[in-house]
Amino acid sequence: MVKIISDPSQFSKLKQGDILVCETTAPAWTTLFSLAGAIVTNAGGILSHAGTVAREYKLPAVLGTKVAVDLLKDGDVVTVDGTNGVVTIEQQ
């Protein structure tokens, strides 16, 4: 389930297995990676903070989408294919 996180004050929204969707991440966000089922960001790439930490945690990640925060909403059910860089919104 998607959780849009805009800043550290919203960290408590993310529960185990949720998909973290955000503009970008920074070191303070690392604590969320132990909960997240996958990461989707608007900005960044394979050498970004999100990319590096996602690899360390073995999480699927799609980075640099430019539009994820605008197109997705809390509660959306998605599949994140980090290998192919695809986020699929599931029919509900």
N, C-alpha and C. Protein backbone atom coordinates (compact mmCIF):
# COMPACT_ATOMS: atom_id res chain seq x y z
N MET A 1 0.85 -1.17 0.00
CA MET A 1 0.00 0.00 0.00
C MET A 1 0.90 1.24 0.00
N VAL A 2 0.59 2.18 -0.85
CA VAL A 2 1.37 3.40 -0.99
C VAL A 2 1.18 4.31 0.22
N LYS A 3 2.29 4.88 0.67
CA LYS A 3 2.26 5.96 1.66
C LYS A 3 3.14 7.08 1.12
N ILE A 4 2.52 8.23 0.90
CA ILE A 4 3.25 9.42 0.45
C ILE A 4 3.82 10.10 1.69
N ILE A 5 5.13 10.24 1.73
CA ILE A 5 5.80 10.87 2.86
C ILE A 5 6.50 12.12 2.34
N SER A 6 6.11 13.28 2.89
CA SER A 6 6.66 14.55 2.43
C SER A 6 7.82 15.04 3.28
N ASP A 7 7.79 14.71 4.58
CA ASP A 7 8.84 15.19 5.47
C ASP A 7 8.87 14.31 6.72
N PRO A 8 9.90 14.46 7.55
CA PRO A 8 10.04 13.59 8.72
C PRO A 8 8.84 13.59 9.68
N SER A 9 8.04 14.63 9.70
CA SER A 9 6.88 14.63 10.59
C SER A 9 5.85 13.57 10.20
N GLN A 10 5.97 13.03 8.97
CA GLN A 10 5.02 12.01 8.49
C GLN A 10 5.58 10.59 8.56
N PHE A 11 6.77 10.41 9.10
CA PHE A 11 7.40 9.09 9.15
C PHE A 11 6.50 8.04 9.79
N SER A 12 5.70 8.41 10.78
CA SER A 12 4.86 7.44 11.49
C SER A 12 3.75 6.85 10.61
N LYS A 13 3.48 7.46 9.46
CA LYS A 13 2.47 6.91 8.53
C LYS A 13 2.91 5.58 7.95
N LEU A 14 4.22 5.37 7.78
CA LEU A 14 4.73 4.18 7.10
C LEU A 14 4.70 2.98 8.03
N LYS A 15 4.04 1.92 7.60
CA LYS A 15 3.95 0.67 8.36
C LYS A 15 4.68 -0.42 7.59
N GLN A 16 4.98 -1.51 8.27
CA GLN A 16 5.73 -2.61 7.68
C GLN A 16 5.13 -3.04 6.34
N GLY A 17 5.97 -3.05 5.30
CA GLY A 17 5.56 -3.50 3.98
C GLY A 17 4.97 -2.43 3.08
N ASP A 18 4.70 -1.25 3.61
CA ASP A 18 4.16 -0.17 2.78
C ASP A 18 5.18 0.26 1.74
N ILE A 19 4.68 0.86 0.66
CA ILE A 19 5.54 1.39 -0.40
C ILE A 19 5.80 2.86 -0.08
N LEU A 20 7.06 3.19 0.19
CA LEU A 20 7.45 4.56 0.48
C LEU A 20 7.52 5.33 -0.83
N VAL A 21 6.69 6.36 -0.96
CA VAL A 21 6.69 7.23 -2.13
C VAL A 21 7.00 8.64 -1.64
N CYS A 22 8.04 9.25 -2.23
CA CYS A 22 8.48 10.56 -1.75
C CYS A 22 9.22 11.31 -2.85
N GLU A 23 9.48 12.57 -2.59
CA GLU A 23 10.24 13.38 -3.54
C GLU A 23 11.66 12.83 -3.65
N THR A 24 12.32 12.65 -2.52
CA THR A 24 13.67 12.11 -2.44
C THR A 24 13.91 11.69 -1.00
N THR A 25 15.04 11.06 -0.72
CA THR A 25 15.37 10.71 0.66
C THR A 25 16.71 11.33 1.03
N ALA A 26 16.97 11.35 2.33
CA ALA A 26 18.21 11.85 2.90
C ALA A 26 18.57 10.91 4.06
N PRO A 27 19.75 11.03 4.63
CA PRO A 27 20.15 10.10 5.69
C PRO A 27 19.14 9.93 6.82
N ALA A 28 18.44 10.98 7.22
CA ALA A 28 17.44 10.85 8.29
C ALA A 28 16.31 9.90 7.92
N TRP A 29 16.11 9.66 6.64
CA TRP A 29 15.03 8.80 6.16
C TRP A 29 15.41 7.32 6.21
N THR A 30 16.65 7.01 6.48
CA THR A 30 17.14 5.62 6.44
C THR A 30 16.32 4.71 7.34
N THR A 31 15.82 5.20 8.45
CA THR A 31 15.04 4.35 9.37
C THR A 31 13.80 3.78 8.69
N LEU A 32 13.27 4.46 7.67
CA LEU A 32 12.07 3.99 6.98
C LEU A 32 12.35 2.76 6.11
N PHE A 33 13.58 2.58 5.69
CA PHE A 33 13.92 1.49 4.78
C PHE A 33 13.74 0.12 5.44
N SER A 34 13.83 0.05 6.76
CA SER A 34 13.62 -1.23 7.44
C SER A 34 12.14 -1.61 7.47
N LEU A 35 11.26 -0.66 7.25
CA LEU A 35 9.82 -0.92 7.21
C LEU A 35 9.29 -1.09 5.79
N ALA A 36 9.84 -0.34 4.86
CA ALA A 36 9.29 -0.26 3.51
C ALA A 36 9.38 -1.59 2.77
N GLY A 37 8.37 -1.83 1.94
CA GLY A 37 8.40 -2.97 1.03
C GLY A 37 9.06 -2.63 -0.28
N ALA A 38 9.08 -1.33 -0.61
CA ALA A 38 9.71 -0.82 -1.84
C ALA A 38 9.78 0.69 -1.72
N ILE A 39 10.57 1.29 -2.61
CA ILE A 39 10.77 2.74 -2.61
C ILE A 39 10.47 3.28 -4.01
N VAL A 40 9.75 4.40 -4.07
CA VAL A 40 9.51 5.10 -5.33
C VAL A 40 9.75 6.59 -5.06
N THR A 41 10.62 7.21 -5.86
CA THR A 41 10.92 8.63 -5.65
C THR A 41 10.71 9.43 -6.93
N ASN A 42 10.46 10.71 -6.76
CA ASN A 42 10.39 11.62 -7.90
C ASN A 42 11.77 11.94 -8.44
N ALA A 43 12.74 12.12 -7.54
CA ALA A 43 14.09 12.52 -7.92
C ALA A 43 15.07 11.42 -7.53
N GLY A 44 16.24 11.47 -8.15
CA GLY A 44 17.29 10.54 -7.78
C GLY A 44 17.57 9.51 -8.85
N GLY A 45 18.56 8.71 -8.59
CA GLY A 45 18.99 7.67 -9.52
C GLY A 45 19.78 6.62 -8.77
N ILE A 46 20.50 5.79 -9.49
CA ILE A 46 21.17 4.65 -8.86
C ILE A 46 22.23 5.05 -7.83
N LEU A 47 22.79 6.24 -7.97
CA LEU A 47 23.81 6.68 -7.00
C LEU A 47 23.25 7.62 -5.94
N SER A 48 21.94 7.84 -5.95
CA SER A 48 21.32 8.71 -4.96
C SER A 48 21.25 7.99 -3.61
N HIS A 49 20.91 8.75 -2.57
CA HIS A 49 20.74 8.15 -1.25
C HIS A 49 19.73 7.01 -1.31
N ALA A 50 18.57 7.25 -1.91
CA ALA A 50 17.52 6.21 -1.98
C ALA A 50 18.02 4.97 -2.71
N GLY A 51 18.73 5.16 -3.80
CA GLY A 51 19.24 4.03 -4.57
C GLY A 51 20.26 3.21 -3.79
N THR A 52 21.18 3.88 -3.15
CA THR A 52 22.22 3.20 -2.38
C THR A 52 21.64 2.43 -1.21
N VAL A 53 20.77 3.07 -0.45
CA VAL A 53 20.21 2.42 0.74
C VAL A 53 19.23 1.31 0.34
N ALA A 54 18.46 1.51 -0.72
CA ALA A 54 17.55 0.45 -1.18
C ALA A 54 18.34 -0.81 -1.54
N ARG A 55 19.47 -0.65 -2.19
CA ARG A 55 20.31 -1.82 -2.51
C ARG A 55 20.80 -2.50 -1.23
N GLU A 56 21.22 -1.71 -0.24
CA GLU A 56 21.70 -2.27 1.02
C GLU A 56 20.60 -3.09 1.70
N TYR A 57 19.38 -2.62 1.62
CA TYR A 57 18.24 -3.30 2.25
C TYR A 57 17.58 -4.32 1.32
N LYS A 58 18.11 -4.45 0.11
CA LYS A 58 17.57 -5.38 -0.90
C LYS A 58 16.09 -5.09 -1.19
N LEU A 59 15.79 -3.80 -1.34
CA LEU A 59 14.42 -3.36 -1.64
C LEU A 59 14.28 -3.00 -3.10
N PRO A 60 13.17 -3.37 -3.73
CA PRO A 60 12.91 -2.86 -5.08
C PRO A 60 12.73 -1.35 -5.02
N ALA A 61 13.28 -0.66 -6.00
CA ALA A 61 13.18 0.79 -6.03
C ALA A 61 13.06 1.28 -7.46
N VAL A 62 12.18 2.25 -7.66
CA VAL A 62 12.07 2.97 -8.93
C VAL A 62 12.28 4.43 -8.58
N LEU A 63 13.35 5.01 -9.12
CA LEU A 63 13.79 6.34 -8.72
C LEU A 63 13.74 7.29 -9.91
N GLY A 64 13.59 8.57 -9.60
CA GLY A 64 13.61 9.59 -10.65
C GLY A 64 12.38 9.58 -11.54
N THR A 65 11.22 9.22 -10.99
CA THR A 65 10.00 9.14 -11.80
C THR A 65 9.50 10.52 -12.23
N LYS A 66 9.82 11.53 -11.49
CA LYS A 66 9.38 12.91 -11.69
C LYS A 66 7.90 13.13 -11.35
N VAL A 67 7.08 12.08 -11.30
CA VAL A 67 5.63 12.26 -11.14
C VAL A 67 4.98 11.39 -10.08
N ALA A 68 5.71 10.52 -9.43
CA ALA A 68 5.09 9.55 -8.51
C ALA A 68 4.29 10.22 -7.40
N VAL A 69 4.84 11.25 -6.79
CA VAL A 69 4.15 11.93 -5.69
C VAL A 69 2.86 12.56 -6.16
N ASP A 70 2.82 12.98 -7.42
CA ASP A 70 1.61 13.62 -7.96
C ASP A 70 0.58 12.61 -8.45
N LEU A 71 1.03 11.48 -8.99
CA LEU A 71 0.11 10.50 -9.57
C LEU A 71 -0.43 9.49 -8.55
N LEU A 72 0.38 9.14 -7.58
CA LEU A 72 -0.04 8.14 -6.59
C LEU A 72 -0.64 8.84 -5.38
N LYS A 73 -1.44 8.08 -4.62
CA LYS A 73 -2.01 8.62 -3.39
C LYS A 73 -1.97 7.56 -2.31
N ASP A 74 -2.02 8.02 -1.07
CA ASP A 74 -2.04 7.08 0.05
C ASP A 74 -3.12 6.03 -0.16
N GLY A 75 -2.76 4.77 0.05
CA GLY A 75 -3.72 3.68 -0.07
C GLY A 75 -3.71 2.99 -1.41
N ASP A 76 -3.10 3.59 -2.44
CA ASP A 76 -3.00 2.90 -3.73
C ASP A 76 -2.23 1.59 -3.54
N VAL A 77 -2.63 0.59 -4.29
CA VAL A 77 -1.91 -0.69 -4.29
C VAL A 77 -1.11 -0.75 -5.58
N VAL A 78 0.20 -0.90 -5.44
CA VAL A 78 1.08 -0.91 -6.60
C VAL A 78 2.05 -2.07 -6.52
N THR A 79 2.59 -2.41 -7.68
CA THR A 79 3.71 -3.35 -7.77
C THR A 79 4.91 -2.55 -8.25
N VAL A 80 6.03 -2.71 -7.55
CA VAL A 80 7.25 -1.99 -7.89
C VAL A 80 8.25 -2.99 -8.47
N ASP A 81 8.57 -2.83 -9.73
CA ASP A 81 9.55 -3.68 -10.42
C ASP A 81 10.82 -2.87 -10.59
N GLY A 82 11.70 -3.00 -9.61
CA GLY A 82 12.94 -2.24 -9.63
C GLY A 82 13.88 -2.65 -10.75
N THR A 83 13.82 -3.89 -11.17
CA THR A 83 14.70 -4.37 -12.25
C THR A 83 14.41 -3.65 -13.55
N ASN A 84 13.12 -3.46 -13.84
CA ASN A 84 12.73 -2.84 -15.10
C ASN A 84 12.30 -1.38 -14.96
N GLY A 85 12.31 -0.85 -13.73
CA GLY A 85 11.95 0.54 -13.50
C GLY A 85 10.50 0.84 -13.76
N VAL A 86 9.61 -0.08 -13.33
CA VAL A 86 8.18 0.06 -13.62
C VAL A 86 7.38 0.01 -12.31
N VAL A 87 6.45 0.94 -12.16
CA VAL A 87 5.49 0.91 -11.08
C VAL A 87 4.12 0.70 -11.70
N THR A 88 3.44 -0.37 -11.31
CA THR A 88 2.13 -0.70 -11.86
C THR A 88 1.06 -0.48 -10.79
N ILE A 89 0.06 0.33 -11.12
CA ILE A 89 -1.06 0.55 -10.19
C ILE A 89 -2.03 -0.59 -10.40
N GLU A 90 -2.34 -1.29 -9.30
CA GLU A 90 -3.23 -2.45 -9.36
C GLU A 90 -4.68 -2.00 -9.34
N GLN A 91 -5.53 -2.74 -10.04
CA GLN A 91 -6.97 -2.48 -10.03
C GLN A 91 -7.52 -2.84 -8.65
N GLN A 92 -8.40 -2.00 -8.14
CA GLN A 92 -8.99 -2.28 -6.81
C GLN A 92 -10.45 -2.57 -6.93
